[in-house]
Amino acid sequence: MIVNNARALSDTLGFEQKSSSLTDADKKNLNDIEQSIKSAFKQEEKLNKALPFTNSEPSPFQTLATFAAHQKEVVRSMVGLSSESAIASALAGSIEAYSKQLELIQGWTNGGVAMFESALWLMLDDIKQGGVQPEELEDLLQIALLEVMINPEKYGLEDWYNLNKEDISHILESTGSGSHGLHEDAYNTPKKLADITRKLYEGILSNGNIPQGSLLGQAMDSLDAAGGVNQLCGQIENNYYDNYGWWDSTGITELSPMLRLFILSESLNQHETMTQKEVEMILNGSIADIDNYINKTFGPGSAGPLTTLSWFLDSTQWQLQTGYGYPNGKNTQIDWTGDGININDLTSLYNNFPGRELNDEDIKEINRIGDQVKMIQQTLKYWIQICRDELMAFARNI
């Protein structure tokens, strides 16, 4: 019925535009609406031909991104022509939501910075669920620092980042769940780490222009809501030797975002057919979950079941140092081979982050988003007709 009405309106538009009751401005607006109606029909025909996607589709992301761009343009052009401004806001919000979904899925498969950032979003959402615990504050900071590292220009932090990247690399190495370890002289006590953390935290806020809703914005907002810089630095200084920070400690269940990203990168290098479920498990699962996956995929080892830690040490530049006499019986620490993890190593990590192949589950999700796109397209067509009817009624004083 909507399609038939739209076609009838489009067919009669030329005649009604000739009415003497319409001003030149009215006629121009009606002509623009006519073009939008015609364009909406063409877009829907293209969408119907494109869906559903299959594994042989070369670029489903680009196809849907093109529809998103068109829909955004229609919404922008129609604002002000209808009293239903709430519809415009709802449509714009829906288009942005599915565009974000597409970006994340594309990130999971393309590799590089896009996949790295998709991983950061997933880990941030996981930490936020159920409320931020004290031992998760350092992990939130890691997400914030990693986002600054890959997107400093997004936040106006290029100069600040270049001045502070050495401190950032050391804080990433020595803080976070499972990542604790004291290394070079400037970073060899919890107090020194806490002081540098405070400087970085306050520097981001004072030097950055952080858009609301951005990844960095949400990470910093979550930190602030959980007590801010004082709570974070107090956690590092006063609880550094608690079990959550030491990977080989009995009872540890979580790993820092940076360690998870290194594990995921190496797993993808060795096993590029990882499923999305396996990828997400590496990023938000427990150490026990990851151990089961590592042993099933790459094990067993010569000495029995392969653990994530033993596989990780054999496969990467990370090592386990021993012989320390830290409080609470801490005798070993995870360490990047060399004098601290070099910022170039981190840059290489995200620039060369491996992608993964689209599988059937990915295609199902893309087609589900495609169905959302179709619904929005139909709503757009209907809304355009309402805008046209309202303008005609106003012009004729009906």
Protein backbone atom coordinates (compact mmCIF):
# COMPACT_ATOMS: atom_id res chain seq x y z
CA MET A 1 0.00 0.00 0.00
CA ILE A 2 2.85 2.40 0.86
CA VAL A 3 4.54 1.69 -2.45
CA ASN A 4 1.33 2.22 -4.43
CA ASN A 5 0.58 5.48 -2.65
CA ALA A 6 4.11 6.73 -3.25
CA ARG A 7 3.95 5.90 -6.95
CA ALA A 8 0.60 7.68 -7.28
CA LEU A 9 1.95 10.74 -5.50
CA SER A 10 5.03 10.76 -7.66
CA ASP A 11 3.02 10.40 -10.87
CA THR A 12 0.68 13.30 -10.02
CA LEU A 13 3.33 15.60 -8.62
CA GLY A 14 4.04 17.32 -11.94
CA PHE A 15 0.41 18.33 -12.39
CA GLU A 16 -0.07 19.57 -8.83
CA GLN A 17 3.12 21.62 -8.92
CA LYS A 18 1.48 23.77 -11.63
CA SER A 19 -1.24 24.91 -9.20
CA SER A 20 -1.26 28.68 -8.86
CA SER A 21 -1.62 28.33 -5.06
CA LEU A 22 2.00 27.17 -4.80
CA THR A 23 4.84 29.64 -4.48
CA ASP A 24 8.15 29.19 -6.27
CA ALA A 25 9.69 28.05 -2.98
CA ASP A 26 6.89 25.50 -2.51
CA LYS A 27 7.42 24.19 -6.02
CA LYS A 28 11.15 23.85 -5.43
CA ASN A 29 10.55 21.95 -2.20
CA LEU A 30 8.04 19.69 -3.92
CA ASN A 31 10.46 19.06 -6.76
CA ASP A 32 13.14 18.11 -4.21
CA ILE A 33 10.69 15.74 -2.53
CA GLU A 34 9.82 14.19 -5.89
CA GLN A 35 13.48 13.52 -6.52
CA SER A 36 13.79 12.00 -3.04
CA ILE A 37 10.82 9.71 -3.72
CA LYS A 38 12.34 8.53 -7.00
CA SER A 39 15.70 8.02 -5.32
CA ALA A 40 14.08 6.09 -2.49
CA PHE A 41 12.49 3.69 -5.00
CA LYS A 42 15.82 3.13 -6.74
CA GLN A 43 17.62 2.52 -3.47
CA GLU A 44 15.02 0.01 -2.35
CA GLU A 45 15.28 -1.87 -5.65
CA LYS A 46 19.06 -2.03 -5.28
CA LEU A 47 18.73 -3.18 -1.68
CA ASN A 48 16.29 -5.93 -2.61
CA LYS A 49 18.71 -7.17 -5.26
CA ALA A 50 21.67 -7.10 -2.86
CA LEU A 51 20.00 -9.01 -0.01
CA PRO A 52 20.55 -11.54 1.29
CA PHE A 53 24.34 -11.51 1.17
CA THR A 54 26.32 -14.72 0.74
CA ASN A 55 29.92 -15.67 1.44
CA SER A 56 30.72 -14.91 -2.20
CA GLU A 57 29.69 -11.25 -1.83
CA PRO A 58 32.93 -9.26 -2.32
CA SER A 59 32.02 -6.19 -0.25
CA PRO A 60 28.84 -6.38 1.86
CA PHE A 61 30.18 -3.69 4.16
CA GLN A 62 30.65 -1.18 1.35
CA THR A 63 27.22 -1.98 -0.07
CA LEU A 64 25.45 -1.28 3.22
CA ALA A 65 27.67 1.72 3.94
CA THR A 66 26.49 3.22 0.63
CA PHE A 67 22.87 2.80 1.71
CA ALA A 68 23.69 4.38 5.06
CA ALA A 69 25.20 7.42 3.35
CA HIS A 70 22.12 7.80 1.15
CA GLN A 71 19.73 7.47 4.08
CA LYS A 72 21.65 10.05 6.09
CA GLU A 73 21.47 12.47 3.17
CA VAL A 74 17.70 11.99 2.83
CA VAL A 75 17.18 12.62 6.54
CA ARG A 76 19.26 15.79 6.39
CA SER A 77 17.41 17.07 3.32
CA MET A 78 13.97 16.47 4.83
CA VAL A 79 14.57 18.13 8.19
CA GLY A 80 12.50 21.30 8.33
CA LEU A 81 9.97 20.14 5.75
CA SER A 82 7.89 18.21 8.29
CA SER A 83 6.59 18.91 11.75
CA GLU A 84 7.57 15.36 12.66
CA SER A 85 11.07 16.29 13.81
CA ALA A 86 11.04 13.39 16.26
CA ILE A 87 10.92 11.04 13.26
CA ALA A 88 14.06 12.63 11.88
CA SER A 89 15.88 12.13 15.17
CA ALA A 90 14.73 8.52 15.46
CA LEU A 91 15.77 7.71 11.91
CA ALA A 92 19.12 9.42 12.30
CA GLY A 93 19.75 7.48 15.52
CA SER A 94 18.82 4.17 13.88
CA ILE A 95 21.08 4.81 10.90
CA GLU A 96 23.99 5.71 13.18
CA ALA A 97 23.37 2.55 15.25
CA TYR A 98 23.51 0.15 12.33
CA SER A 99 26.43 2.06 10.80
CA LYS A 100 28.32 1.50 14.06
CA GLN A 101 27.41 -2.20 13.96
CA LEU A 102 28.80 -2.44 10.44
CA GLU A 103 32.03 -0.71 11.45
CA LEU A 104 32.58 -3.15 14.28
CA ILE A 105 31.90 -6.24 12.16
CA GLN A 106 34.11 -4.89 9.39
CA GLY A 107 36.80 -4.25 11.98
CA TRP A 108 36.67 -7.89 13.09
CA THR A 109 37.42 -9.08 9.55
CA ASN A 110 39.67 -6.43 8.00
CA GLY A 111 42.42 -6.50 10.60
CA GLY A 112 44.72 -3.55 11.30
CA VAL A 113 43.56 -0.54 13.32
CA ALA A 114 39.87 -1.26 12.60
CA MET A 115 40.01 -4.68 14.26
CA PHE A 116 42.16 -3.36 17.08
CA GLU A 117 39.58 -0.68 17.84
CA SER A 118 36.67 -3.14 17.60
CA ALA A 119 38.49 -5.22 20.22
CA LEU A 120 38.89 -2.18 22.49
CA TRP A 121 35.15 -1.45 22.26
CA LEU A 122 34.29 -5.04 23.17
CA MET A 123 36.62 -5.08 26.19
CA LEU A 124 35.33 -1.69 27.37
CA ASP A 125 31.71 -2.86 27.20
CA ASP A 126 32.63 -6.04 29.07
CA ILE A 127 34.32 -4.14 31.91
CA LYS A 128 31.38 -1.75 32.24
CA GLN A 129 28.85 -4.56 32.59
CA GLY A 130 27.97 -5.09 36.22
CA GLY A 131 29.95 -2.07 37.41
CA VAL A 132 33.68 -1.37 37.46
CA GLN A 133 35.57 -3.24 40.18
CA PRO A 134 38.69 -1.70 41.82
CA GLU A 135 41.04 -4.16 40.11
CA GLU A 136 39.53 -3.21 36.73
CA LEU A 137 40.55 0.45 36.98
CA GLU A 138 43.99 -0.28 35.52
CA ASP A 139 42.39 -2.20 32.65
CA LEU A 140 40.17 0.79 31.86
CA LEU A 141 43.25 3.01 31.85
CA GLN A 142 44.93 0.62 29.41
CA ILE A 143 41.96 0.91 27.03
CA ALA A 144 42.14 4.71 27.23
CA LEU A 145 45.90 4.74 26.57
CA LEU A 146 45.62 2.25 23.69
CA GLU A 147 42.90 4.36 22.08
CA VAL A 148 45.06 7.48 22.39
CA MET A 149 47.94 5.54 20.89
CA ILE A 150 46.04 4.55 17.74
CA ASN A 151 43.89 7.70 17.33
CA PRO A 152 45.68 10.70 18.88
CA GLU A 153 44.47 13.03 16.10
CA LYS A 154 40.83 12.21 16.90
CA TYR A 155 41.25 13.84 20.30
CA GLY A 156 43.73 16.60 19.48
CA LEU A 157 46.42 14.72 21.42
CA GLU A 158 49.11 14.27 18.76
CA ASP A 159 51.68 16.57 20.41
CA TRP A 160 50.85 15.34 23.90
CA TYR A 161 51.14 11.72 22.81
CA ASN A 162 54.55 12.26 21.19
CA LEU A 163 55.82 13.82 24.42
CA ASN A 164 54.45 11.05 26.64
CA LYS A 165 54.61 7.88 24.55
CA GLU A 166 57.55 6.41 26.48
CA ASP A 167 55.65 6.72 29.77
CA ILE A 168 52.54 5.31 28.07
CA SER A 169 54.42 2.22 26.86
CA HIS A 170 55.82 1.52 30.35
CA ILE A 171 52.45 1.98 32.07
CA LEU A 172 50.90 -0.40 29.54
CA GLU A 173 53.59 -2.95 30.32
CA SER A 174 53.51 -2.70 34.12
CA THR A 175 49.84 -2.15 35.04
CA GLY A 176 46.63 -4.04 34.38
CA SER A 177 45.36 -7.50 35.31
CA GLY A 178 48.19 -10.02 35.09
CA SER A 179 50.60 -7.40 33.74
CA HIS A 180 52.30 -6.33 36.97
CA GLY A 181 56.07 -6.26 37.04
CA LEU A 182 58.69 -3.68 38.02
CA HIS A 183 61.37 -3.00 35.45
CA GLU A 184 63.47 0.07 34.53
CA ASP A 185 64.62 2.53 37.22
CA ALA A 186 62.04 5.21 36.49
CA TYR A 187 59.23 2.64 36.79
CA ASN A 188 60.46 0.25 39.48
CA THR A 189 58.08 1.01 42.38
CA PRO A 190 54.30 1.16 42.66
CA LYS A 191 54.62 4.80 43.81
CA LYS A 192 56.50 5.78 40.64
CA LEU A 193 53.91 4.00 38.47
CA ALA A 194 51.07 5.72 40.32
CA ASP A 195 52.66 9.16 39.90
CA ILE A 196 53.18 8.66 36.16
CA THR A 197 49.64 7.34 35.85
CA ARG A 198 48.31 10.53 37.48
CA LYS A 199 50.31 12.65 35.05
CA LEU A 200 48.95 10.74 32.05
CA TYR A 201 45.36 10.74 33.30
CA GLU A 202 45.33 14.47 33.98
CA GLY A 203 47.20 15.17 30.74
CA ILE A 204 44.55 13.44 28.65
CA LEU A 205 41.79 15.49 30.26
CA SER A 206 43.59 18.83 30.13
CA ASN A 207 45.05 18.51 26.61
CA GLY A 208 42.43 16.49 24.77
CA ASN A 209 39.21 17.42 23.02
CA ILE A 210 37.22 14.27 23.78
CA PRO A 211 33.86 13.85 21.98
CA GLN A 212 31.03 12.55 24.11
CA GLY A 213 30.31 8.90 23.35
CA SER A 214 33.74 8.26 21.80
CA LEU A 215 35.78 5.28 22.94
CA LEU A 216 38.18 7.48 24.90
CA GLY A 217 35.27 9.50 26.30
CA GLN A 218 33.49 6.41 27.56
CA ALA A 219 36.66 4.94 29.06
CA MET A 220 37.47 8.17 30.92
CA ASP A 221 33.84 8.60 32.03
CA SER A 222 33.87 5.06 33.44
CA LEU A 223 37.08 5.78 35.31
CA ASP A 224 35.64 9.00 36.67
CA ALA A 225 32.44 7.28 37.81
CA ALA A 226 34.52 4.63 39.62
CA GLY A 227 36.48 7.18 41.65
CA GLY A 228 38.68 8.92 39.11
CA VAL A 229 42.40 9.46 39.21
CA ASN A 230 42.68 9.27 43.03
CA GLN A 231 41.04 5.86 43.18
CA LEU A 232 43.06 4.61 40.21
CA CYS A 233 46.42 5.78 41.55
CA GLY A 234 45.57 4.53 45.04
CA GLN A 235 44.81 1.11 43.59
CA ILE A 236 48.21 1.00 41.89
CA GLU A 237 50.19 2.29 44.85
CA ASN A 238 48.44 0.35 47.63
CA ASN A 239 47.36 -2.89 45.96
CA TYR A 240 50.08 -3.52 43.40
CA TYR A 241 51.13 -6.85 44.96
CA ASP A 242 47.61 -8.28 45.11
CA ASN A 243 47.06 -11.46 43.10
CA TYR A 244 45.00 -9.85 40.30
CA GLY A 245 48.14 -8.19 38.89
CA TRP A 246 50.38 -11.26 38.58
CA TRP A 247 49.70 -13.76 35.81
CA ASP A 248 51.32 -16.77 37.47
CA SER A 249 49.52 -16.18 40.79
CA THR A 250 47.08 -18.75 42.09
CA GLY A 251 43.51 -17.66 41.62
CA ILE A 252 44.05 -15.03 38.91
CA THR A 253 41.14 -15.08 36.44
CA GLU A 254 41.57 -11.98 34.26
CA LEU A 255 44.16 -10.52 31.92
CA SER A 256 44.80 -6.92 30.91
CA PRO A 257 43.51 -5.60 27.57
CA MET A 258 47.05 -5.33 26.21
CA LEU A 259 47.92 -8.93 27.06
CA ARG A 260 44.63 -10.10 25.53
CA LEU A 261 45.42 -8.20 22.33
CA PHE A 262 48.86 -9.80 22.09
CA ILE A 263 47.31 -13.24 22.68
CA LEU A 264 44.62 -12.61 20.05
CA SER A 265 47.13 -11.30 17.52
CA GLU A 266 49.35 -14.36 17.89
CA SER A 267 46.38 -16.73 17.81
CA LEU A 268 45.13 -15.15 14.58
CA ASN A 269 48.60 -15.41 13.07
CA GLN A 270 48.65 -19.13 13.78
CA HIS A 271 44.94 -19.85 13.29
CA GLU A 272 43.34 -17.35 10.89
CA THR A 273 40.06 -19.30 10.73
CA MET A 274 39.15 -18.31 14.29
CA THR A 275 35.43 -17.81 14.73
CA GLN A 276 33.97 -14.57 16.05
CA LYS A 277 32.98 -16.46 19.20
CA GLU A 278 36.60 -17.50 19.76
CA VAL A 279 37.84 -13.97 19.13
CA GLU A 280 35.43 -12.54 21.69
CA MET A 281 36.32 -15.25 24.19
CA ILE A 282 40.00 -14.24 24.01
CA LEU A 283 38.96 -10.65 24.68
CA ASN A 284 36.49 -11.13 27.52
CA GLY A 285 36.75 -14.73 28.71
CA SER A 286 38.46 -16.01 31.85
CA ILE A 287 41.97 -17.43 31.80
CA ALA A 288 40.43 -20.89 32.18
CA ASP A 289 38.36 -20.32 29.04
CA ILE A 290 41.41 -19.16 27.10
CA ASP A 291 43.49 -22.07 28.41
CA ASN A 292 40.88 -24.52 27.09
CA TYR A 293 40.92 -22.85 23.67
CA ILE A 294 44.73 -22.70 23.46
CA ASN A 295 45.17 -26.34 24.43
CA LYS A 296 42.42 -27.48 22.05
CA THR A 297 43.79 -25.43 19.15
CA PHE A 298 47.57 -25.56 19.61
CA GLY A 299 48.22 -28.27 22.21
CA PRO A 300 48.88 -30.42 23.96
CA GLY A 301 52.43 -29.47 24.83
CA SER A 302 55.29 -31.87 25.38
CA ALA A 303 54.77 -31.68 29.14
CA GLY A 304 51.01 -32.08 29.04
CA PRO A 305 48.07 -29.69 28.51
CA LEU A 306 49.18 -26.43 26.94
CA THR A 307 48.37 -23.33 28.99
CA THR A 308 47.95 -19.83 27.63
CA LEU A 309 50.99 -18.66 29.58
CA SER A 310 53.35 -21.38 28.34
CA TRP A 311 52.12 -21.01 24.73
CA PHE A 312 52.35 -17.21 24.99
CA LEU A 313 55.94 -17.29 26.26
CA ASP A 314 56.98 -19.71 23.50
CA SER A 315 55.21 -17.76 20.73
CA THR A 316 55.97 -14.09 21.47
CA GLN A 317 58.64 -11.73 22.79
CA TRP A 318 57.19 -11.94 26.30
CA GLN A 319 59.14 -13.78 28.98
CA LEU A 320 58.67 -14.77 32.61
CA GLN A 321 61.36 -13.38 34.89
CA THR A 322 62.07 -15.12 38.20
CA GLY A 323 64.05 -14.56 41.39
CA TYR A 324 62.22 -11.61 42.93
CA GLY A 325 61.30 -11.09 46.57
CA TYR A 326 58.26 -8.90 46.27
CA PRO A 327 55.62 -8.69 49.03
CA ASN A 328 52.89 -11.33 49.24
CA GLY A 329 55.29 -13.99 47.99
CA LYS A 330 55.56 -12.63 44.45
CA ASN A 331 58.67 -14.18 42.90
CA THR A 332 58.07 -13.89 39.13
CA GLN A 333 56.84 -11.26 36.69
CA ILE A 334 55.79 -11.07 33.05
CA ASP A 335 58.19 -8.97 30.98
CA TRP A 336 58.63 -7.81 27.39
CA THR A 337 62.09 -8.83 26.16
CA GLY A 338 64.35 -5.76 26.20
CA ASP A 339 64.36 -2.48 28.11
CA GLY A 340 60.63 -2.00 28.33
CA ILE A 341 58.07 -2.55 25.62
CA ASN A 342 59.01 -0.22 22.79
CA ILE A 343 56.32 2.05 21.37
CA ASN A 344 57.30 0.76 17.91
CA ASP A 345 56.35 -2.74 19.04
CA LEU A 346 52.91 -1.49 20.08
CA THR A 347 52.54 0.41 16.82
CA SER A 348 53.41 -2.74 14.91
CA LEU A 349 50.85 -4.66 16.98
CA TYR A 350 47.88 -2.53 15.93
CA ASN A 351 49.03 -1.70 12.38
CA ASN A 352 49.60 -5.37 11.58
CA PHE A 353 46.75 -6.78 13.61
CA PRO A 354 45.57 -9.89 11.70
CA GLY A 355 42.07 -10.03 10.27
CA ARG A 356 39.83 -13.05 10.03
CA GLU A 357 37.68 -14.53 7.29
CA LEU A 358 33.92 -13.94 7.16
CA ASN A 359 32.04 -17.06 8.22
CA ASP A 360 28.38 -18.07 8.18
CA GLU A 361 27.67 -16.37 11.51
CA ASP A 362 29.12 -13.11 10.21
CA ILE A 363 26.96 -13.29 7.09
CA LYS A 364 23.86 -13.91 9.24
CA GLU A 365 24.64 -10.79 11.28
CA ILE A 366 25.27 -8.69 8.17
CA ASN A 367 21.96 -9.84 6.69
CA ARG A 368 20.21 -9.02 9.96
CA ILE A 369 21.60 -5.49 9.68
CA GLY A 370 20.48 -5.51 6.04
CA ASP A 371 16.93 -6.19 7.22
CA GLN A 372 17.22 -3.15 9.51
CA VAL A 373 18.36 -1.09 6.52
CA LYS A 374 15.29 -2.23 4.55
CA MET A 375 12.94 -1.25 7.37
CA ILE A 376 14.52 2.20 7.60
CA GLN A 377 14.30 2.58 3.83
CA GLN A 378 10.58 1.81 3.91
CA THR A 379 10.08 4.27 6.77
CA LEU A 380 11.99 6.91 4.84
CA LYS A 381 9.70 6.50 1.84
CA TYR A 382 6.62 6.79 4.01
CA TRP A 383 8.01 9.84 5.79
CA ILE A 384 8.82 11.57 2.51
CA GLN A 385 5.19 11.17 1.47
CA ILE A 386 4.01 12.68 4.77
CA CYS A 387 6.33 15.64 4.27
CA ARG A 388 4.96 16.15 0.77
CA ASP A 389 1.32 15.99 1.92
CA GLU A 390 1.99 18.47 4.73
CA LEU A 391 3.65 20.93 2.36
CA MET A 392 0.81 20.66 -0.17
CA ALA A 393 -1.80 21.19 2.56
CA PHE A 394 0.06 24.20 3.92
CA ALA A 395 0.50 25.76 0.49
CA ARG A 396 -3.20 25.41 -0.27
CA ASN A 397 -4.27 26.51 3.22
CA ILE A 398 -6.21 23.29 3.64
